[in-house]
Amino acid sequence: MTTGVLCIHGFTGGPQELKPFVDFLQQKTDWLVLVPTLSGHGEELHLDNYKAEHWLMDAELAYKKLAKEVDVVFVVGFSMGGLIALYLALRYEVEKLILLSAAAKYISVRQLLKDIKELTNDLFHGELEQNELYHRYDNKISNVPMSSTLEFLRLVRKIEPYYEKITVPICIVQGEVDGIVPAITAQFLYDRLGSTKKQLILSPNGKHHICFSDDRYEWFQSVLNFLLE
């Protein structure tokens, strides 16, 4: 029986957000891994004129493509991709779900203020170029139209009423110092989702881009074990 993994990146992001985990899966398994780029996303952002429905359609087409080539499909979603993964589980046959920093809630004000303070301190000391957070967001500040942000929020609201209807086995991974998605979101999802087989993994030092956390290889293995069960 052949296995495929569909990995879906986040809002304003691209496949690179999932690359460390994708590389891990490709090293440890013979699974077919597909990481599509959602409309308007990638290395250069061109989000104008794209709506939530375009991103959902992109994911559906990728799922259908993968499902034709394998017997079993796992879906991994990062940030907004986590919400899209839940959408796919509602509509298609998904064996298991992995949610990474899933954006069911957004903006942890307390952690965001800490991150801004860190950025400001590095700017003052001339060390901004060494700040990892700065490099993850510097391209996005001027390239994300407000209309696209509203589409992201609309997608979140579109999926939320159906959490209880999702019953596939699910593993949730969340950084405890995530400045974009509050850490409480993971417990919120864990409690609301209708799945009877659920696992929650917390990364003590993990920020929003959880695939780059210091402890990533520990939870990578835990997620793989969950998928192999």
C-alpha atoms as a PDB file:
ATOM      1  CA  MET A   1       0.000   0.000   0.000  1.00  0.00           C
ATOM      2  CA  THR A   2       1.464   3.348  -1.059  1.00  0.00           C
ATOM      3  CA  THR A   3       1.340   6.495   1.088  1.00  0.00           C
ATOM      4  CA  GLY A   4       1.228  10.152   0.129  1.00  0.00           C
ATOM      5  CA  VAL A   5       1.631  13.278   2.244  1.00  0.00           C
ATOM      6  CA  LEU A   6       0.101  16.583   1.200  1.00  0.00           C
ATOM      7  CA  CYS A   7       1.767  19.540   2.956  1.00  0.00           C
ATOM      8  CA  ILE A   8       0.065  22.946   2.864  1.00  0.00           C
ATOM      9  CA  HIS A   9       1.924  26.141   3.750  1.00  0.00           C
ATOM     10  CA  GLY A  10       0.611  29.236   5.509  1.00  0.00           C
ATOM     11  CA  PHE A  11      -0.754  32.652   4.575  1.00  0.00           C
ATOM     12  CA  THR A  12       1.878  34.788   2.771  1.00  0.00           C
ATOM     13  CA  GLY A  13       4.279  31.853   2.946  1.00  0.00           C
ATOM     14  CA  GLY A  14       5.384  29.042   0.673  1.00  0.00           C
ATOM     15  CA  PRO A  15       6.751  25.482   0.627  1.00  0.00           C
ATOM     16  CA  GLN A  16       9.945  26.646   2.363  1.00  0.00           C
ATOM     17  CA  GLU A  17       7.974  26.962   5.621  1.00  0.00           C
ATOM     18  CA  LEU A  18       7.638  23.170   5.704  1.00  0.00           C
ATOM     19  CA  LYS A  19      10.974  22.221   4.135  1.00  0.00           C
ATOM     20  CA  PRO A  20      12.718  20.852   7.277  1.00  0.00           C
ATOM     21  CA  PHE A  21       9.793  18.529   7.988  1.00  0.00           C
ATOM     22  CA  VAL A  22       9.445  17.534   4.332  1.00  0.00           C
ATOM     23  CA  ASP A  23      13.177  16.727   4.186  1.00  0.00           C
ATOM     24  CA  PHE A  24      12.808  14.619   7.341  1.00  0.00           C
ATOM     25  CA  LEU A  25       9.909  12.621   5.887  1.00  0.00           C
ATOM     26  CA  GLN A  26      11.780  12.031   2.648  1.00  0.00           C
ATOM     27  CA  GLN A  27      14.832  10.794   4.567  1.00  0.00           C
ATOM     28  CA  LYS A  28      12.866   8.497   6.861  1.00  0.00           C
ATOM     29  CA  THR A  29      10.184   7.105   4.522  1.00  0.00           C
ATOM     30  CA  ASP A  30       9.496   6.199   0.910  1.00  0.00           C
ATOM     31  CA  TRP A  31       6.279   8.235   0.927  1.00  0.00           C
ATOM     32  CA  LEU A  32       5.338  10.547  -1.909  1.00  0.00           C
ATOM     33  CA  VAL A  33       5.324  14.115  -0.541  1.00  0.00           C
ATOM     34  CA  LEU A  34       3.555  16.942  -2.377  1.00  0.00           C
ATOM     35  CA  VAL A  35       3.931  20.589  -1.346  1.00  0.00           C
ATOM     36  CA  PRO A  36       1.903  22.890  -3.619  1.00  0.00           C
ATOM     37  CA  THR A  37       2.259  26.676  -3.717  1.00  0.00           C
ATOM     38  CA  LEU A  38      -1.055  28.427  -3.117  1.00  0.00           C
ATOM     39  CA  SER A  39      -2.142  31.109  -5.582  1.00  0.00           C
ATOM     40  CA  GLY A  40      -0.281  34.394  -5.120  1.00  0.00           C
ATOM     41  CA  HIS A  41       2.168  32.861  -2.638  1.00  0.00           C
ATOM     42  CA  GLY A  42       5.778  31.690  -2.790  1.00  0.00           C
ATOM     43  CA  GLU A  43       9.091  33.518  -2.873  1.00  0.00           C
ATOM     44  CA  GLU A  44       7.419  36.585  -4.376  1.00  0.00           C
ATOM     45  CA  LEU A  45       3.953  37.561  -3.212  1.00  0.00           C
ATOM     46  CA  HIS A  46       1.268  38.516  -5.732  1.00  0.00           C
ATOM     47  CA  LEU A  47      -1.839  38.220  -3.594  1.00  0.00           C
ATOM     48  CA  ASP A  48      -4.042  40.766  -5.351  1.00  0.00           C
ATOM     49  CA  ASN A  49      -7.191  39.291  -6.888  1.00  0.00           C
ATOM     50  CA  TYR A  50      -6.905  35.965  -5.043  1.00  0.00           C
ATOM     51  CA  LYS A  51      -9.557  34.895  -2.559  1.00  0.00           C
ATOM     52  CA  ALA A  52      -9.960  32.184   0.052  1.00  0.00           C
ATOM     53  CA  GLU A  53     -11.751  30.041  -2.536  1.00  0.00           C
ATOM     54  CA  HIS A  54      -8.658  30.056  -4.762  1.00  0.00           C
ATOM     55  CA  TRP A  55      -6.510  28.715  -1.924  1.00  0.00           C
ATOM     56  CA  LEU A  56      -9.051  26.020  -1.066  1.00  0.00           C
ATOM     57  CA  MET A  57      -9.275  25.031  -4.740  1.00  0.00           C
ATOM     58  CA  ASP A  58      -5.473  24.845  -4.994  1.00  0.00           C
ATOM     59  CA  ALA A  59      -5.438  22.421  -2.067  1.00  0.00           C
ATOM     60  CA  GLU A  60      -8.286  20.339  -3.498  1.00  0.00           C
ATOM     61  CA  LEU A  61      -6.551  19.990  -6.856  1.00  0.00           C
ATOM     62  CA  ALA A  62      -3.308  18.984  -5.126  1.00  0.00           C
ATOM     63  CA  TYR A  63      -5.164  16.421  -3.010  1.00  0.00           C
ATOM     64  CA  LYS A  64      -6.860  14.910  -6.078  1.00  0.00           C
ATOM     65  CA  LYS A  65      -3.538  14.740  -7.917  1.00  0.00           C
ATOM     66  CA  LEU A  66      -1.867  12.950  -5.004  1.00  0.00           C
ATOM     67  CA  ALA A  67      -4.815  10.640  -4.317  1.00  0.00           C
ATOM     68  CA  LYS A  68      -4.583   9.302  -7.883  1.00  0.00           C
ATOM     69  CA  GLU A  69      -1.026   8.120  -7.226  1.00  0.00           C
ATOM     70  CA  VAL A  70      -1.279   6.627  -3.726  1.00  0.00           C
ATOM     71  CA  ASP A  71      -3.585   4.478  -1.598  1.00  0.00           C
ATOM     72  CA  VAL A  72      -3.430   6.522   1.612  1.00  0.00           C
ATOM     73  CA  VAL A  73      -3.213  10.307   2.040  1.00  0.00           C
ATOM     74  CA  PHE A  74      -1.966  12.133   5.120  1.00  0.00           C
ATOM     75  CA  VAL A  75      -2.435  15.907   5.195  1.00  0.00           C
ATOM     76  CA  VAL A  76      -0.086  18.312   6.988  1.00  0.00           C
ATOM     77  CA  GLY A  77      -1.073  21.955   7.359  1.00  0.00           C
ATOM     78  CA  PHE A  78       1.016  24.841   8.692  1.00  0.00           C
ATOM     79  CA  SER A  79      -0.706  27.993  10.031  1.00  0.00           C
ATOM     80  CA  MET A  80      -3.473  28.877   7.533  1.00  0.00           C
ATOM     81  CA  GLY A  81      -2.620  25.577   5.867  1.00  0.00           C
ATOM     82  CA  GLY A  82      -3.856  23.874   9.017  1.00  0.00           C
ATOM     83  CA  LEU A  83      -7.314  25.308   8.422  1.00  0.00           C
ATOM     84  CA  ILE A  84      -7.181  24.215   4.794  1.00  0.00           C
ATOM     85  CA  ALA A  85      -6.154  20.726   5.969  1.00  0.00           C
ATOM     86  CA  LEU A  86      -9.264  20.605   8.152  1.00  0.00           C
ATOM     87  CA  TYR A  87     -11.354  21.638   5.140  1.00  0.00           C
ATOM     88  CA  LEU A  88      -9.916  18.767   3.093  1.00  0.00           C
ATOM     89  CA  ALA A  89     -10.681  16.310   5.891  1.00  0.00           C
ATOM     90  CA  LEU A  90     -14.315  17.415   5.768  1.00  0.00           C
ATOM     91  CA  ARG A  91     -14.626  16.788   2.025  1.00  0.00           C
ATOM     92  CA  TYR A  92     -12.229  13.971   1.172  1.00  0.00           C
ATOM     93  CA  GLU A  93     -10.796  10.732   2.468  1.00  0.00           C
ATOM     94  CA  VAL A  94      -7.867  11.746   4.664  1.00  0.00           C
ATOM     95  CA  GLU A  95      -6.185   9.046   6.757  1.00  0.00           C
ATOM     96  CA  LYS A  96      -4.628  11.363   9.357  1.00  0.00           C
ATOM     97  CA  LEU A  97      -4.117  15.091   9.919  1.00  0.00           C
ATOM     98  CA  ILE A  98      -1.101  16.975  11.248  1.00  0.00           C
ATOM     99  CA  LEU A  99      -1.711  20.600  12.277  1.00  0.00           C
ATOM    100  CA  LEU A 100       1.364  22.797  12.770  1.00  0.00           C
ATOM    101  CA  SER A 101       0.771  26.215  14.394  1.00  0.00           C
ATOM    102  CA  ALA A 102      -2.765  26.012  13.022  1.00  0.00           C
ATOM    103  CA  ALA A 103      -4.239  29.517  12.741  1.00  0.00           C
ATOM    104  CA  ALA A 104      -7.644  28.890  14.303  1.00  0.00           C
ATOM    105  CA  LYS A 105      -6.906  31.963  16.409  1.00  0.00           C
ATOM    106  CA  TYR A 106      -4.375  34.638  15.501  1.00  0.00           C
ATOM    107  CA  ILE A 107      -2.025  37.209  17.014  1.00  0.00           C
ATOM    108  CA  SER A 108      -0.715  36.550  20.487  1.00  0.00           C
ATOM    109  CA  VAL A 109      -0.340  40.177  21.563  1.00  0.00           C
ATOM    110  CA  ARG A 110       1.915  39.437  24.532  1.00  0.00           C
ATOM    111  CA  GLN A 111       4.394  37.361  22.508  1.00  0.00           C
ATOM    112  CA  LEU A 112       4.224  39.737  19.554  1.00  0.00           C
ATOM    113  CA  LEU A 113       5.255  42.621  21.832  1.00  0.00           C
ATOM    114  CA  LYS A 114       8.216  40.542  23.050  1.00  0.00           C
ATOM    115  CA  ASP A 115       9.251  39.866  19.450  1.00  0.00           C
ATOM    116  CA  ILE A 116       8.953  43.561  18.557  1.00  0.00           C
ATOM    117  CA  LYS A 117      11.101  44.454  21.573  1.00  0.00           C
ATOM    118  CA  GLU A 118      13.719  41.951  20.382  1.00  0.00           C
ATOM    119  CA  LEU A 119      13.635  43.398  16.853  1.00  0.00           C
ATOM    120  CA  THR A 120      13.961  46.937  18.207  1.00  0.00           C
ATOM    121  CA  ASN A 121      16.896  45.971  20.398  1.00  0.00           C
ATOM    122  CA  ASP A 122      18.699  44.321  17.472  1.00  0.00           C
ATOM    123  CA  LEU A 123      18.002  47.372  15.300  1.00  0.00           C
ATOM    124  CA  PHE A 124      19.460  49.676  17.964  1.00  0.00           C
ATOM    125  CA  HIS A 125      22.622  47.540  18.206  1.00  0.00           C
ATOM    126  CA  GLY A 126      23.001  47.203  14.429  1.00  0.00           C
ATOM    127  CA  GLU A 127      22.277  43.476  14.530  1.00  0.00           C
ATOM    128  CA  LEU A 128      18.998  43.357  12.600  1.00  0.00           C
ATOM    129  CA  GLU A 129      20.520  41.332   9.764  1.00  0.00           C
ATOM    130  CA  GLN A 130      21.181  38.521  12.277  1.00  0.00           C
ATOM    131  CA  ASN A 131      17.580  38.495  13.533  1.00  0.00           C
ATOM    132  CA  GLU A 132      15.782  35.400  12.238  1.00  0.00           C
ATOM    133  CA  LEU A 133      12.319  36.877  12.819  1.00  0.00           C
ATOM    134  CA  TYR A 134      13.164  39.944  10.740  1.00  0.00           C
ATOM    135  CA  HIS A 135      14.148  37.830   7.753  1.00  0.00           C
ATOM    136  CA  ARG A 136      10.947  35.790   7.973  1.00  0.00           C
ATOM    137  CA  TYR A 137       8.721  38.869   7.784  1.00  0.00           C
ATOM    138  CA  ASP A 138      10.628  41.680   6.062  1.00  0.00           C
ATOM    139  CA  ASN A 139       9.308  40.738   2.609  1.00  0.00           C
ATOM    140  CA  LYS A 140       5.710  40.514   3.761  1.00  0.00           C
ATOM    141  CA  ILE A 141       5.101  43.850   5.442  1.00  0.00           C
ATOM    142  CA  SER A 142       4.864  45.823   2.192  1.00  0.00           C
ATOM    143  CA  ASN A 143       3.494  43.051  -0.036  1.00  0.00           C
ATOM    144  CA  VAL A 144       0.306  41.947   1.711  1.00  0.00           C
ATOM    145  CA  PRO A 145      -2.836  43.883   0.714  1.00  0.00           C
ATOM    146  CA  MET A 146      -5.457  44.369   3.414  1.00  0.00           C
ATOM    147  CA  SER A 147      -7.977  42.621   1.146  1.00  0.00           C
ATOM    148  CA  SER A 148      -5.852  39.459   1.276  1.00  0.00           C
ATOM    149  CA  THR A 149      -5.657  39.578   5.064  1.00  0.00           C
ATOM    150  CA  LEU A 150      -9.446  39.827   5.144  1.00  0.00           C
ATOM    151  CA  GLU A 151      -9.637  36.756   2.880  1.00  0.00           C
ATOM    152  CA  PHE A 152      -7.442  34.871   5.346  1.00  0.00           C
ATOM    153  CA  LEU A 153      -9.756  35.852   8.221  1.00  0.00           C
ATOM    154  CA  ARG A 154     -12.770  34.826   6.138  1.00  0.00           C
ATOM    155  CA  LEU A 155     -11.232  31.401   5.567  1.00  0.00           C
ATOM    156  CA  VAL A 156     -10.711  30.972   9.324  1.00  0.00           C
ATOM    157  CA  ARG A 157     -14.367  31.814   9.981  1.00  0.00           C
ATOM    158  CA  LYS A 158     -15.488  29.533   7.129  1.00  0.00           C
ATOM    159  CA  ILE A 159     -13.926  26.431   8.706  1.00  0.00           C
ATOM    160  CA  GLU A 160     -14.622  27.101  12.404  1.00  0.00           C
ATOM    161  CA  PRO A 161     -18.263  25.922  12.526  1.00  0.00           C
ATOM    162  CA  TYR A 162     -17.237  22.435  11.392  1.00  0.00           C
ATOM    163  CA  TYR A 163     -14.521  21.503  13.903  1.00  0.00           C
ATOM    164  CA  GLU A 164     -16.782  18.979  15.666  1.00  0.00           C
ATOM    165  CA  LYS A 165     -17.497  17.189  12.376  1.00  0.00           C
ATOM    166  CA  ILE A 166     -13.831  16.288  11.841  1.00  0.00           C
ATOM    167  CA  THR A 167     -13.236  12.772  13.156  1.00  0.00           C
ATOM    168  CA  VAL A 168      -9.977  11.582  11.547  1.00  0.00           C
ATOM    169  CA  PRO A 169      -6.958  10.932  13.808  1.00  0.00           C
ATOM    170  CA  ILE A 170      -5.175  14.224  14.380  1.00  0.00           C
ATOM    171  CA  CYS A 171      -1.877  15.438  15.822  1.00  0.00           C
ATOM    172  CA  ILE A 172      -1.469  19.102  16.795  1.00  0.00           C
ATOM    173  CA  VAL A 173       1.958  20.734  17.189  1.00  0.00           C
ATOM    174  CA  GLN A 174       2.209  24.202  18.711  1.00  0.00           C
ATOM    175  CA  GLY A 175       5.042  26.485  19.813  1.00  0.00           C
ATOM    176  CA  GLU A 176       4.533  27.985  23.249  1.00  0.00           C
ATOM    177  CA  VAL A 177       6.157  31.305  22.270  1.00  0.00           C
ATOM    178  CA  ASP A 178       4.303  31.751  18.986  1.00  0.00           C
ATOM    179  CA  GLY A 179       3.710  35.461  18.346  1.00  0.00           C
ATOM    180  CA  ILE A 180       1.188  34.882  15.550  1.00  0.00           C
ATOM    181  CA  VAL A 181      -0.982  32.021  16.789  1.00  0.00           C
ATOM    182  CA  PRO A 182      -1.577  32.079  20.573  1.00  0.00           C
ATOM    183  CA  ALA A 183      -0.388  28.894  22.268  1.00  0.00           C
ATOM    184  CA  ILE A 184      -3.875  28.373  23.741  1.00  0.00           C
ATOM    185  CA  THR A 185      -5.107  27.732  20.188  1.00  0.00           C
ATOM    186  CA  ALA A 186      -3.725  24.199  20.272  1.00  0.00           C
ATOM    187  CA  GLN A 187      -5.784  23.269  23.338  1.00  0.00           C
ATOM    188  CA  PHE A 188      -8.794  25.051  21.845  1.00  0.00           C
ATOM    189  CA  LEU A 189      -8.568  22.885  18.727  1.00  0.00           C
ATOM    190  CA  TYR A 190      -7.828  19.731  20.704  1.00  0.00           C
ATOM    191  CA  ASP A 191     -11.010  20.253  22.719  1.00  0.00           C
ATOM    192  CA  ARG A 192     -13.245  21.247  19.799  1.00  0.00           C
ATOM    193  CA  LEU A 193     -12.274  18.729  17.120  1.00  0.00           C
ATOM    194  CA  GLY A 194     -14.515  15.675  16.909  1.00  0.00           C
ATOM    195  CA  SER A 195     -11.670  13.160  16.557  1.00  0.00           C
ATOM    196  CA  THR A 196     -11.422  10.463  19.203  1.00  0.00           C
ATOM    197  CA  LYS A 197      -7.744   9.820  18.442  1.00  0.00           C
ATOM    198  CA  LYS A 198      -5.893  13.063  19.167  1.00  0.00           C
ATOM    199  CA  GLN A 199      -2.377  14.021  20.212  1.00  0.00           C
ATOM    200  CA  LEU A 200      -1.088  17.412  21.343  1.00  0.00           C
ATOM    201  CA  ILE A 201       2.631  18.260  21.177  1.00  0.00           C
ATOM    202  CA  LEU A 202       3.911  21.530  22.670  1.00  0.00           C
ATOM    203  CA  SER A 203       7.317  22.992  21.807  1.00  0.00           C
ATOM    204  CA  PRO A 204       8.505  25.086  24.816  1.00  0.00           C
ATOM    205  CA  ASN A 205      10.712  27.406  22.716  1.00  0.00           C
ATOM    206  CA  GLY A 206       8.864  27.058  19.416  1.00  0.00           C
ATOM    207  CA  LYS A 207       7.777  30.229  17.625  1.00  0.00           C
ATOM    208  CA  HIS A 208       5.313  30.421  14.752  1.00  0.00           C
ATOM    209  CA  HIS A 209       7.598  28.823  12.154  1.00  0.00           C
ATOM    210  CA  ILE A 210       7.562  25.640  14.156  1.00  0.00           C
ATOM    211  CA  CYS A 211       9.434  23.570  11.561  1.00  0.00           C
ATOM    212  CA  PHE A 212      12.531  25.629  12.435  1.00  0.00           C
ATOM    213  CA  SER A 213      12.267  25.258  16.229  1.00  0.00           C
ATOM    214  CA  ASP A 214      15.300  24.098  18.204  1.00  0.00           C
ATOM    215  CA  ASP A 215      13.506  20.899  19.187  1.00  0.00           C
ATOM    216  CA  ARG A 216      12.131  20.186  15.732  1.00  0.00           C
ATOM    217  CA  TYR A 217      13.746  16.782  15.304  1.00  0.00           C
ATOM    218  CA  GLU A 218      12.176  15.585  18.555  1.00  0.00           C
ATOM    219  CA  TRP A 219       8.654  16.435  17.493  1.00  0.00           C
ATOM    220  CA  PHE A 220       9.340  15.436  13.869  1.00  0.00           C
ATOM    221  CA  GLN A 221       9.927  11.911  15.173  1.00  0.00           C
ATOM    222  CA  SER A 222       6.849  12.032  17.406  1.00  0.00           C
ATOM    223  CA  VAL A 223       4.701  13.070  14.435  1.00  0.00           C
ATOM    224  CA  LEU A 224       6.183  10.311  12.275  1.00  0.00           C
ATOM    225  CA  ASN A 225       5.430   7.781  15.019  1.00  0.00           C
ATOM    226  CA  PHE A 226       1.838   9.060  15.080  1.00  0.00           C
ATOM    227  CA  LEU A 227       1.544   8.608  11.325  1.00  0.00           C
ATOM    228  CA  LEU A 228       3.023   5.115  11.478  1.00  0.00           C
ATOM    229  CA  GLU A 229       0.707   3.869  14.236  1.00  0.00           C
END
